[in-house]
Amino acid sequence: HFSNVNLNVALKRPILFSDWRAGHYASIEEDDLRQYIHERLKIYYEEEVGIQLVLFNQVIDQVLRIDRVFRQPQGHLLLIGLSGTGKATLCRFVAWLNQINFVQLKVHNKYTAADFDDDLRHLLRRSGCKGDKIVFLLDESNVMDSSFLERMNTLLANGEVPGLFEGDEYSALLTLCKEGAQKQGLMLDSNDELYKWFTIQVMRNLHVVFTMNPSANGLRDRASTSPALFNRCVLDWLGDWSLDAYYHVASELTQKIAMEK
């Protein structure tokens, strides 16, 4: 039925698409993509000291997957993989590639729900009022209280957390919204219009990433109690590294070690 189709070309794997080289979303050769990412990594290492990323095939595939999510409005990600597989490092790098701010919670033993609300308010002001594009990474180890997930569940579903801004904080938020809307050439007068604009901006600019370990207890419980995590997020399962991946990592990390002959 498709006599004019070259099956060797049509069925060639892997199938990779990106706009990093061509300037528009198009198919790209693996070697070309690897070279581009390698070039960008050199600059990334100069800015992000102490972070090393080894480019094997699975990493390149994950970089493209994460990139596709971050390019979508309301593009949120549930990244599941074993500890030490580079979940946060990959997200940080892809955010950097797309000139998106990367924010990760810094929790401590005394970190409370009130602290989490303060951090959320700061994030929402930046993404909603100032128009900052942000990737907010929340690791399962940071979820120290069930209310954290409840708030995030609501945020993903509605673009807001009811009751997060009240009283003077709500008035100050609307003032910031009015200033932000005016910069876009919009003259919004009513509080409802301003708050609606705010939630739209949040949904457009904020990307939430949840990272989880598949072997951790409670994954099934979280799936049932926080439906937005699975309904509103792209699920990306890292899986196990291949033997080829282990070889590339070991080879890369031992290249600069002085070995006695």
Foldseek 3Di string as FASTA:
>chain_A
DCVVDDCCVVVDPDFDWDCPPVVDTDTDDPVVLVVVLVVVVVVVCVVDPPDDDFDDPLLSVVLRVLLVLLVDQLRAAEEEAAPPPCPVVSNVSSCVVVVAAEAEDDDDPPDDPVNVLVVVLVVLLCQQQVVGAYEYEYEPVNCPDPVNLVQVLCCSVQLHRPPSADDPRLVVSLVSLCVRCVVVVDHDDDSVVSVVSRSSSSSRRYYYYYYYYPPDPCPVVCCVVRVCNVVSYDYHYSDDDDPVVVVSVVCVVCVPPDDDD
